[in-house]
């Protein structure tokens, strides 16, 4: 699946008529760098020039403006040259409230903006599913190190293990 599905592009184009009026729009999707800093929160897209998307960009400093769809799709992130990812768990949220929350230092969690301190206990909870996922990844890393596959097959492993590449990376960077 690419960064821009037909459903996402349709929603973006439907909101194009609102231009930069954030109070009339929702954030449709989030594209992010799973290996470091960088998130693009997509707002709208011109149906006549689909290469540009209006977005809230968070690269350590917040900006609102146009971004190139083709650049997002072709970006390869250091150190492994892997692509940006679409946040499959992102739920639409009011764009104005979202930007205001980011400016106040809040974070997006499960469809709403929360104070950073309110989410710390949730981050500390490790579910059985997370433990199973970690064990699958550790087993793959150990096996791949023996077979010499290491970095070349991370993408395939993420598909086979049904985990994201960002779940695997912390285990191989040791």
N, C-alpha and C. Protein backbone atom coordinates (compact mmCIF):
# COMPACT_ATOMS: atom_id res chain seq x y z
N UNK A 1 0.85 -1.18 0.00
CA UNK A 1 0.00 0.00 0.00
C UNK A 1 0.89 1.24 0.00
N UNK A 2 0.57 2.19 -0.86
CA UNK A 2 1.33 3.43 -0.95
C UNK A 2 0.91 4.43 0.12
N UNK A 3 1.55 5.56 0.09
CA UNK A 3 1.23 6.62 1.05
C UNK A 3 -0.12 7.26 0.75
N UNK A 4 -0.49 7.31 -0.54
CA UNK A 4 -1.70 8.00 -0.95
C UNK A 4 -2.67 7.00 -1.57
N UNK A 5 -3.60 6.48 -0.78
CA UNK A 5 -4.61 5.57 -1.29
C UNK A 5 -5.68 6.38 -2.04
N UNK A 6 -6.50 5.69 -2.82
CA UNK A 6 -7.60 6.38 -3.51
C UNK A 6 -8.53 7.06 -2.51
N UNK A 7 -8.79 6.39 -1.40
CA UNK A 7 -9.68 6.95 -0.38
C UNK A 7 -9.10 8.24 0.21
N UNK A 8 -7.82 8.23 0.51
CA UNK A 8 -7.18 9.42 1.07
C UNK A 8 -7.22 10.56 0.06
N UNK A 9 -6.87 10.28 -1.20
CA UNK A 9 -6.86 11.35 -2.21
C UNK A 9 -8.26 11.92 -2.42
N UNK A 10 -9.28 11.07 -2.39
CA UNK A 10 -10.66 11.57 -2.56
C UNK A 10 -11.02 12.52 -1.42
N UNK A 11 -10.69 12.13 -0.19
CA UNK A 11 -10.98 12.99 0.97
C UNK A 11 -10.21 14.31 0.89
N UNK A 12 -8.94 14.23 0.49
CA UNK A 12 -8.14 15.45 0.35
C UNK A 12 -8.73 16.38 -0.69
N UNK A 13 -9.13 15.81 -1.82
CA UNK A 13 -9.69 16.63 -2.90
C UNK A 13 -11.05 17.20 -2.53
N UNK A 14 -11.83 16.46 -1.76
CA UNK A 14 -13.13 16.97 -1.29
C UNK A 14 -12.96 18.21 -0.40
N UNK A 15 -11.85 18.29 0.31
CA UNK A 15 -11.61 19.43 1.20
C UNK A 15 -10.90 20.60 0.51
N UNK A 16 -10.51 20.43 -0.74
CA UNK A 16 -9.75 21.47 -1.45
C UNK A 16 -10.49 22.81 -1.46
N UNK A 17 -11.80 22.78 -1.55
CA UNK A 17 -12.59 24.02 -1.63
C UNK A 17 -12.43 24.91 -0.40
N UNK A 18 -11.94 24.33 0.72
CA UNK A 18 -11.77 25.10 1.95
C UNK A 18 -10.43 25.83 2.01
N UNK A 19 -9.53 25.55 1.05
CA UNK A 19 -8.24 26.25 1.01
C UNK A 19 -7.47 26.14 2.30
N UNK A 20 -7.14 27.30 2.90
CA UNK A 20 -6.37 27.28 4.14
C UNK A 20 -7.24 27.51 5.38
N UNK A 21 -8.55 27.37 5.24
CA UNK A 21 -9.47 27.53 6.37
C UNK A 21 -9.47 26.25 7.20
N UNK A 22 -8.61 26.18 8.18
CA UNK A 22 -8.45 24.96 8.97
C UNK A 22 -9.70 24.60 9.77
N UNK A 23 -10.48 25.60 10.15
CA UNK A 23 -11.67 25.32 10.95
C UNK A 23 -12.76 24.62 10.14
N UNK A 24 -12.58 24.49 8.84
CA UNK A 24 -13.55 23.82 7.97
C UNK A 24 -13.09 22.41 7.56
N UNK A 25 -11.90 22.00 8.03
CA UNK A 25 -11.30 20.75 7.55
C UNK A 25 -10.94 19.79 8.69
N UNK A 26 -10.68 18.55 8.28
CA UNK A 26 -10.12 17.56 9.20
C UNK A 26 -8.75 17.17 8.67
N UNK A 27 -7.91 16.71 9.55
CA UNK A 27 -6.65 16.10 9.12
C UNK A 27 -7.03 14.72 8.61
N UNK A 28 -6.77 14.45 7.35
CA UNK A 28 -7.22 13.22 6.70
C UNK A 28 -6.29 12.05 7.00
N UNK A 29 -4.98 12.28 7.00
CA UNK A 29 -4.02 11.19 7.19
C UNK A 29 -2.70 11.75 7.71
N UNK A 30 -1.88 10.84 8.21
CA UNK A 30 -0.55 11.21 8.69
C UNK A 30 0.49 10.34 8.00
N UNK A 31 1.50 11.00 7.43
CA UNK A 31 2.66 10.31 6.89
C UNK A 31 3.81 10.66 7.82
N UNK A 32 4.65 9.69 8.14
CA UNK A 32 5.69 9.96 9.12
C UNK A 32 6.98 9.22 8.80
N UNK A 33 8.04 9.72 9.40
CA UNK A 33 9.35 9.08 9.34
C UNK A 33 9.43 8.16 10.56
N UNK A 34 9.34 6.85 10.38
CA UNK A 34 9.35 5.94 11.53
C UNK A 34 10.72 5.78 12.17
N UNK A 35 11.74 6.41 11.60
CA UNK A 35 13.10 6.24 12.09
C UNK A 35 13.63 7.51 12.75
N UNK A 36 12.80 8.54 12.82
CA UNK A 36 13.25 9.80 13.40
C UNK A 36 12.18 10.86 13.30
N UNK A 37 12.62 12.09 13.26
CA UNK A 37 11.72 13.24 13.28
C UNK A 37 11.04 13.43 11.92
N UNK A 38 9.79 13.87 11.95
CA UNK A 38 9.09 14.23 10.73
C UNK A 38 7.71 13.61 10.62
N UNK A 39 6.69 14.48 10.58
CA UNK A 39 5.31 14.05 10.35
C UNK A 39 4.63 15.06 9.44
N UNK A 40 3.84 14.55 8.49
CA UNK A 40 3.07 15.37 7.57
C UNK A 40 1.61 15.01 7.77
N UNK A 41 0.82 15.97 8.22
CA UNK A 41 -0.60 15.78 8.49
C UNK A 41 -1.37 16.36 7.31
N UNK A 42 -1.97 15.51 6.49
CA UNK A 42 -2.55 15.91 5.22
C UNK A 42 -3.94 16.53 5.36
N UNK A 43 -4.13 17.68 4.67
CA UNK A 43 -5.38 18.43 4.77
C UNK A 43 -6.19 18.42 3.47
N UNK A 44 -5.58 18.88 2.37
CA UNK A 44 -6.33 18.92 1.12
C UNK A 44 -5.40 18.84 -0.07
N UNK A 45 -6.02 18.64 -1.25
CA UNK A 45 -5.26 18.46 -2.48
C UNK A 45 -6.06 19.03 -3.64
N UNK A 46 -5.40 19.78 -4.51
CA UNK A 46 -6.02 20.33 -5.70
C UNK A 46 -6.30 19.20 -6.68
N UNK A 47 -7.58 18.96 -7.06
CA UNK A 47 -7.89 17.88 -8.00
C UNK A 47 -7.24 18.09 -9.37
N UNK A 48 -6.88 19.34 -9.71
CA UNK A 48 -6.28 19.63 -11.01
C UNK A 48 -4.75 19.59 -10.98
N UNK A 49 -4.16 19.53 -9.80
CA UNK A 49 -2.70 19.44 -9.65
C UNK A 49 -2.43 18.54 -8.45
N UNK A 50 -2.55 17.24 -8.66
CA UNK A 50 -2.50 16.29 -7.57
C UNK A 50 -1.11 16.04 -6.99
N UNK A 51 -0.09 16.69 -7.54
CA UNK A 51 1.24 16.49 -6.98
C UNK A 51 1.48 17.33 -5.72
N UNK A 52 0.61 18.29 -5.46
CA UNK A 52 0.81 19.11 -4.26
C UNK A 52 -0.32 18.90 -3.26
N UNK A 53 0.07 18.79 -1.99
CA UNK A 53 -0.86 18.54 -0.91
C UNK A 53 -0.66 19.63 0.14
N UNK A 54 -1.75 20.15 0.66
CA UNK A 54 -1.70 21.12 1.74
C UNK A 54 -1.62 20.32 3.03
N UNK A 55 -0.67 20.65 3.92
CA UNK A 55 -0.44 19.84 5.11
C UNK A 55 0.08 20.67 6.27
N UNK A 56 -0.09 20.11 7.46
CA UNK A 56 0.58 20.61 8.65
C UNK A 56 1.84 19.76 8.75
N UNK A 57 2.99 20.42 8.77
CA UNK A 57 4.27 19.71 8.78
C UNK A 57 4.95 19.93 10.12
N UNK A 58 5.36 18.83 10.75
CA UNK A 58 6.06 18.91 12.04
C UNK A 58 7.43 18.26 11.87
N UNK A 59 8.44 19.11 11.70
CA UNK A 59 9.83 18.66 11.59
C UNK A 59 10.63 19.29 12.72
N UNK A 60 10.04 19.30 13.91
CA UNK A 60 10.65 19.98 15.05
C UNK A 60 10.11 21.39 15.18
N UNK A 61 9.65 21.94 14.08
CA UNK A 61 9.01 23.25 14.05
C UNK A 61 7.76 23.10 13.18
N UNK A 62 6.64 23.63 13.64
CA UNK A 62 5.38 23.49 12.91
C UNK A 62 5.27 24.48 11.77
N UNK A 63 4.81 23.98 10.62
CA UNK A 63 4.53 24.83 9.47
C UNK A 63 3.27 24.30 8.80
N UNK A 64 2.54 25.19 8.15
CA UNK A 64 1.38 24.80 7.36
C UNK A 64 1.63 25.29 5.95
N UNK A 65 1.50 24.39 4.98
CA UNK A 65 1.75 24.79 3.60
C UNK A 65 1.73 23.60 2.66
N UNK A 66 2.17 23.86 1.43
CA UNK A 66 2.17 22.83 0.40
C UNK A 66 3.39 21.94 0.52
N UNK A 67 3.17 20.65 0.25
CA UNK A 67 4.26 19.69 0.15
C UNK A 67 4.09 18.90 -1.14
N UNK A 68 5.18 18.41 -1.66
CA UNK A 68 5.15 17.65 -2.90
C UNK A 68 4.84 16.18 -2.62
N UNK A 69 3.77 15.71 -3.21
CA UNK A 69 3.38 14.31 -3.07
C UNK A 69 4.50 13.40 -3.59
N UNK A 70 5.06 13.73 -4.75
CA UNK A 70 6.10 12.88 -5.33
C UNK A 70 7.35 12.84 -4.45
N UNK A 71 7.68 13.94 -3.78
CA UNK A 71 8.83 13.94 -2.88
C UNK A 71 8.57 13.06 -1.66
N UNK A 72 7.35 13.14 -1.11
CA UNK A 72 7.03 12.27 0.02
C UNK A 72 7.12 10.80 -0.38
N UNK A 73 6.61 10.48 -1.57
CA UNK A 73 6.62 9.10 -2.03
C UNK A 73 8.02 8.58 -2.36
N UNK A 74 8.92 9.46 -2.75
CA UNK A 74 10.25 9.02 -3.16
C UNK A 74 11.31 9.19 -2.06
N UNK A 75 10.97 9.78 -0.94
CA UNK A 75 11.94 9.99 0.14
C UNK A 75 12.42 8.66 0.69
N UNK A 76 13.72 8.53 0.82
CA UNK A 76 14.35 7.37 1.44
C UNK A 76 15.10 7.86 2.67
N UNK A 77 14.80 7.24 3.80
CA UNK A 77 15.29 7.73 5.08
C UNK A 77 16.57 7.01 5.50
N UNK A 78 17.53 7.80 5.98
CA UNK A 78 18.77 7.28 6.54
C UNK A 78 18.46 6.50 7.81
N UNK A 79 19.07 5.43 8.17
CA UNK A 79 20.30 4.90 7.62
C UNK A 79 20.09 3.77 6.61
N UNK A 80 18.89 3.26 6.45
CA UNK A 80 18.68 2.08 5.61
C UNK A 80 18.08 2.38 4.24
N UNK A 81 17.78 3.64 3.97
CA UNK A 81 17.19 3.99 2.68
C UNK A 81 15.77 3.49 2.52
N UNK A 82 15.04 3.40 3.63
CA UNK A 82 13.65 2.93 3.60
C UNK A 82 12.70 4.12 3.49
N UNK A 83 11.47 3.89 3.00
CA UNK A 83 10.55 5.00 2.75
C UNK A 83 9.82 5.51 4.00
N UNK A 84 9.16 6.66 3.82
CA UNK A 84 8.24 7.17 4.84
C UNK A 84 7.07 6.20 4.91
N UNK A 85 6.29 6.27 5.99
CA UNK A 85 5.16 5.36 6.15
C UNK A 85 3.87 6.12 6.41
N UNK A 86 2.76 5.49 6.03
CA UNK A 86 1.42 5.99 6.30
C UNK A 86 1.00 5.44 7.66
N UNK A 87 0.53 6.31 8.54
CA UNK A 87 0.07 5.89 9.86
C UNK A 87 -1.31 5.25 9.70
N UNK A 88 -1.35 3.94 9.75
CA UNK A 88 -2.61 3.20 9.54
C UNK A 88 -3.56 3.34 10.72
N UNK A 89 -3.06 3.79 11.86
CA UNK A 89 -3.90 3.94 13.05
C UNK A 89 -4.41 5.36 13.25
N UNK A 90 -4.07 6.26 12.33
CA UNK A 90 -4.48 7.65 12.47
C UNK A 90 -5.97 7.79 12.18
N UNK A 91 -6.68 8.49 13.06
CA UNK A 91 -8.11 8.76 12.86
C UNK A 91 -8.27 10.26 12.59
N UNK A 92 -9.16 10.59 11.67
CA UNK A 92 -9.38 12.00 11.32
C UNK A 92 -9.70 12.82 12.56
N UNK A 93 -9.21 14.06 12.54
CA UNK A 93 -9.40 14.97 13.67
C UNK A 93 -9.53 16.39 13.11
N UNK A 94 -10.31 17.23 13.78
CA UNK A 94 -10.50 18.61 13.37
C UNK A 94 -9.14 19.29 13.21
N UNK A 95 -8.88 19.86 12.03
CA UNK A 95 -7.57 20.43 11.72
C UNK A 95 -7.21 21.63 12.60
N UNK A 96 -8.17 22.50 12.84
CA UNK A 96 -7.89 23.70 13.65
C UNK A 96 -7.51 23.30 15.08
N UNK A 97 -8.33 22.44 15.68
CA UNK A 97 -8.05 21.99 17.05
C UNK A 97 -6.73 21.22 17.11
N UNK A 98 -6.47 20.44 16.07
CA UNK A 98 -5.24 19.66 16.02
C UNK A 98 -4.01 20.57 16.01
N UNK A 99 -4.00 21.56 15.13
CA UNK A 99 -2.86 22.48 15.05
C UNK A 99 -2.71 23.26 16.36
N UNK A 100 -3.82 23.72 16.90
CA UNK A 100 -3.77 24.45 18.17
C UNK A 100 -3.18 23.56 19.28
N UNK A 101 -3.59 22.30 19.31
CA UNK A 101 -3.05 21.36 20.29
C UNK A 101 -1.55 21.14 20.13
N UNK A 102 -1.10 20.98 18.88
CA UNK A 102 0.34 20.81 18.65
C UNK A 102 1.12 22.03 19.12
N UNK A 103 0.58 23.22 18.84
CA UNK A 103 1.25 24.46 19.27
C UNK A 103 1.31 24.57 20.79
N UNK A 104 0.36 23.96 21.48
CA UNK A 104 0.33 23.97 22.95
C UNK A 104 1.18 22.84 23.54
N UNK A 105 1.86 22.08 22.68
CA UNK A 105 2.71 21.00 23.16
C UNK A 105 1.99 19.70 23.43
N UNK A 106 0.75 19.59 22.96
CA UNK A 106 0.00 18.35 23.15
C UNK A 106 0.41 17.34 22.09
N UNK A 107 0.01 16.09 22.32
CA UNK A 107 0.30 15.02 21.38
C UNK A 107 -1.00 14.35 20.95
N UNK A 108 -0.97 13.76 19.76
CA UNK A 108 -2.13 13.07 19.22
C UNK A 108 -2.10 11.62 19.71
N UNK A 109 -3.19 11.18 20.35
CA UNK A 109 -3.31 9.81 20.81
C UNK A 109 -4.74 9.34 20.58
N UNK A 110 -4.88 8.28 19.80
CA UNK A 110 -6.19 7.64 19.60
C UNK A 110 -7.29 8.63 19.26
N UNK A 111 -7.06 9.49 18.29
CA UNK A 111 -8.09 10.38 17.79
C UNK A 111 -8.31 11.66 18.56
N UNK A 112 -7.46 11.97 19.53
CA UNK A 112 -7.64 13.21 20.28
C UNK A 112 -6.29 13.78 20.71
N UNK A 113 -6.30 15.04 21.05
CA UNK A 113 -5.10 15.71 21.53
C UNK A 113 -5.05 15.60 23.05
N UNK A 114 -3.89 15.19 23.56
CA UNK A 114 -3.73 15.03 25.01
C UNK A 114 -2.45 15.70 25.48
N UNK A 115 -2.45 16.04 26.77
CA UNK A 115 -1.23 16.54 27.38
C UNK A 115 -0.22 15.40 27.41
N UNK A 116 1.05 15.72 27.21
CA UNK A 116 2.09 14.69 27.18
C UNK A 116 2.10 13.86 28.47
N UNK A 117 1.92 14.50 29.60
CA UNK A 117 1.97 13.78 30.88
C UNK A 117 0.84 12.78 31.04
N UNK A 118 -0.28 13.00 30.38
CA UNK A 118 -1.42 12.10 30.55
C UNK A 118 -1.24 10.78 29.82
N UNK A 119 -0.28 10.67 28.92
CA UNK A 119 -0.13 9.43 28.16
C UNK A 119 1.02 8.55 28.64
N UNK A 120 1.82 9.03 29.58
CA UNK A 120 2.95 8.24 30.02
C UNK A 120 2.57 6.86 30.54
N UNK A 121 1.55 6.71 31.38
CA UNK A 121 1.21 5.36 31.84
C UNK A 121 0.84 4.42 30.69
N UNK A 122 0.13 4.91 29.66
CA UNK A 122 -0.23 4.06 28.54
C UNK A 122 1.00 3.55 27.81
N UNK A 123 2.02 4.38 27.67
CA UNK A 123 3.24 3.97 26.97
C UNK A 123 3.99 2.90 27.75
N UNK A 124 3.82 2.88 29.06
CA UNK A 124 4.57 1.94 29.88
C UNK A 124 3.94 0.55 29.90
N UNK A 125 2.70 0.43 29.50
CA UNK A 125 2.00 -0.85 29.51
C UNK A 125 2.44 -1.66 28.29
N UNK A 126 2.89 -2.88 28.52
CA UNK A 126 3.29 -3.76 27.42
C UNK A 126 2.28 -4.90 27.37
N UNK A 127 1.55 -5.00 26.29
CA UNK A 127 0.52 -6.02 26.16
C UNK A 127 1.14 -7.36 25.78
N UNK A 128 0.37 -8.43 25.95
CA UNK A 128 0.83 -9.76 25.53
C UNK A 128 1.11 -9.78 24.03
N UNK A 129 0.28 -9.05 23.27
CA UNK A 129 0.48 -8.98 21.82
C UNK A 129 1.83 -8.34 21.49
N UNK A 130 2.20 -7.27 22.22
CA UNK A 130 3.50 -6.63 22.02
C UNK A 130 4.64 -7.58 22.36
N UNK A 131 4.47 -8.35 23.45
CA UNK A 131 5.50 -9.30 23.84
C UNK A 131 5.69 -10.37 22.77
N UNK A 132 4.56 -10.86 22.20
CA UNK A 132 4.64 -11.88 21.15
C UNK A 132 5.31 -11.31 19.91
N UNK A 133 4.96 -10.08 19.56
CA UNK A 133 5.55 -9.43 18.41
C UNK A 133 7.06 -9.29 18.60
N UNK A 134 7.48 -8.86 19.79
CA UNK A 134 8.90 -8.69 20.08
C UNK A 134 9.63 -10.03 19.99
N UNK A 135 9.03 -11.09 20.49
CA UNK A 135 9.67 -12.40 20.41
C UNK A 135 9.82 -12.86 18.97
N UNK A 136 8.80 -12.63 18.12
CA UNK A 136 8.90 -12.98 16.70
C UNK A 136 10.04 -12.22 16.04
N UNK A 137 10.15 -10.94 16.36
CA UNK A 137 11.19 -10.10 15.76
C UNK A 137 12.58 -10.59 16.22
N UNK A 138 12.72 -10.84 17.52
CA UNK A 138 14.02 -11.30 18.04
C UNK A 138 14.44 -12.61 17.38
N UNK A 139 13.48 -13.51 17.19
CA UNK A 139 13.77 -14.79 16.55
C UNK A 139 14.22 -14.57 15.11
N UNK A 140 13.53 -13.67 14.39
CA UNK A 140 13.92 -13.38 13.00
C UNK A 140 15.31 -12.77 12.95
N UNK A 141 15.60 -11.80 13.85
CA UNK A 141 16.91 -11.14 13.85
C UNK A 141 18.00 -12.17 14.11
N UNK A 142 17.79 -13.05 15.09
CA UNK A 142 18.79 -14.07 15.42
C UNK A 142 19.01 -14.99 14.22
N UNK A 143 17.95 -15.45 13.58
CA UNK A 143 18.04 -16.33 12.42
C UNK A 143 18.70 -15.62 11.25
N UNK A 144 18.31 -14.38 11.00
CA UNK A 144 18.85 -13.66 9.85
C UNK A 144 20.33 -13.35 10.04
N UNK A 145 20.76 -13.15 11.27
CA UNK A 145 22.18 -12.89 11.53
C UNK A 145 22.99 -14.15 11.20
N UNK A 146 22.44 -15.30 11.52
CA UNK A 146 23.13 -16.57 11.24
C UNK A 146 23.22 -16.79 9.73
N UNK A 147 22.13 -16.49 9.02
CA UNK A 147 22.09 -16.71 7.57
C UNK A 147 22.69 -15.57 6.77
N UNK A 148 23.08 -14.48 7.41
CA UNK A 148 23.69 -13.36 6.72
C UNK A 148 22.71 -12.46 5.98
N UNK A 149 21.41 -12.57 6.26
CA UNK A 149 20.40 -11.78 5.55
C UNK A 149 20.28 -10.37 6.09
N UNK A 150 20.55 -10.16 7.31
CA UNK A 150 20.43 -8.93 8.09
C UNK A 150 19.58 -7.81 7.47
N UNK A 151 20.18 -6.77 6.93
CA UNK A 151 19.47 -5.57 6.53
C UNK A 151 18.67 -5.74 5.24
N UNK A 152 19.13 -6.57 4.33
CA UNK A 152 18.53 -6.67 3.01
C UNK A 152 17.05 -7.08 3.03
N UNK A 153 16.63 -7.83 4.04
CA UNK A 153 15.28 -8.38 4.04
C UNK A 153 14.36 -7.80 5.10
N UNK A 154 14.65 -6.62 5.59
CA UNK A 154 13.81 -6.02 6.64
C UNK A 154 12.38 -5.82 6.14
N UNK A 155 12.22 -5.28 4.94
CA UNK A 155 10.90 -5.02 4.38
C UNK A 155 10.09 -6.33 4.27
N UNK A 156 10.73 -7.37 3.73
CA UNK A 156 10.05 -8.66 3.58
C UNK A 156 9.70 -9.25 4.95
N UNK A 157 10.62 -9.11 5.90
CA UNK A 157 10.37 -9.62 7.24
C UNK A 157 9.19 -8.91 7.89
N UNK A 158 9.10 -7.59 7.69
CA UNK A 158 7.99 -6.85 8.30
C UNK A 158 6.66 -7.36 7.75
N UNK A 159 6.62 -7.67 6.46
CA UNK A 159 5.38 -8.20 5.87
C UNK A 159 5.08 -9.60 6.40
N UNK A 160 6.11 -10.45 6.43
CA UNK A 160 5.92 -11.83 6.87
C UNK A 160 5.54 -11.90 8.35
N UNK A 161 6.18 -11.08 9.17
CA UNK A 161 5.90 -11.08 10.61
C UNK A 161 4.66 -10.26 10.97
N UNK A 162 4.16 -9.52 9.98
CA UNK A 162 3.00 -8.64 10.19
C UNK A 162 3.28 -7.59 11.26
N UNK A 163 4.45 -6.95 11.12
CA UNK A 163 4.85 -5.85 11.99
C UNK A 163 5.41 -4.75 11.10
N UNK A 164 5.56 -3.55 11.63
CA UNK A 164 6.13 -2.47 10.82
C UNK A 164 7.65 -2.53 10.87
N UNK A 165 8.25 -1.93 9.88
CA UNK A 165 9.71 -1.85 9.84
C UNK A 165 10.22 -1.17 11.10
N UNK A 166 9.50 -0.16 11.58
CA UNK A 166 9.93 0.55 12.79
C UNK A 166 9.90 -0.33 14.02
N UNK A 167 9.13 -1.43 14.00
CA UNK A 167 9.16 -2.39 15.11
C UNK A 167 10.44 -3.21 15.08
N UNK A 168 10.97 -3.46 13.89
CA UNK A 168 12.16 -4.31 13.73
C UNK A 168 13.45 -3.55 14.01
N UNK A 169 13.53 -2.30 13.54
CA UNK A 169 14.79 -1.55 13.58
C UNK A 169 15.47 -1.51 14.95
N UNK A 170 14.76 -1.28 16.05
CA UNK A 170 15.47 -1.22 17.33
C UNK A 170 16.21 -2.51 17.68
N UNK A 171 15.75 -3.63 17.13
CA UNK A 171 16.36 -4.91 17.45
C UNK A 171 17.60 -5.21 16.61
N UNK A 172 17.75 -4.55 15.48
CA UNK A 172 18.92 -4.83 14.65
C UNK A 172 19.98 -3.74 14.76
N UNK A 173 19.68 -2.66 15.42
CA UNK A 173 20.63 -1.57 15.53
C UNK A 173 21.58 -1.74 16.71
N UNK A 174 21.61 -2.92 17.30
CA UNK A 174 22.46 -3.16 18.46
C UNK A 174 23.83 -3.60 18.01
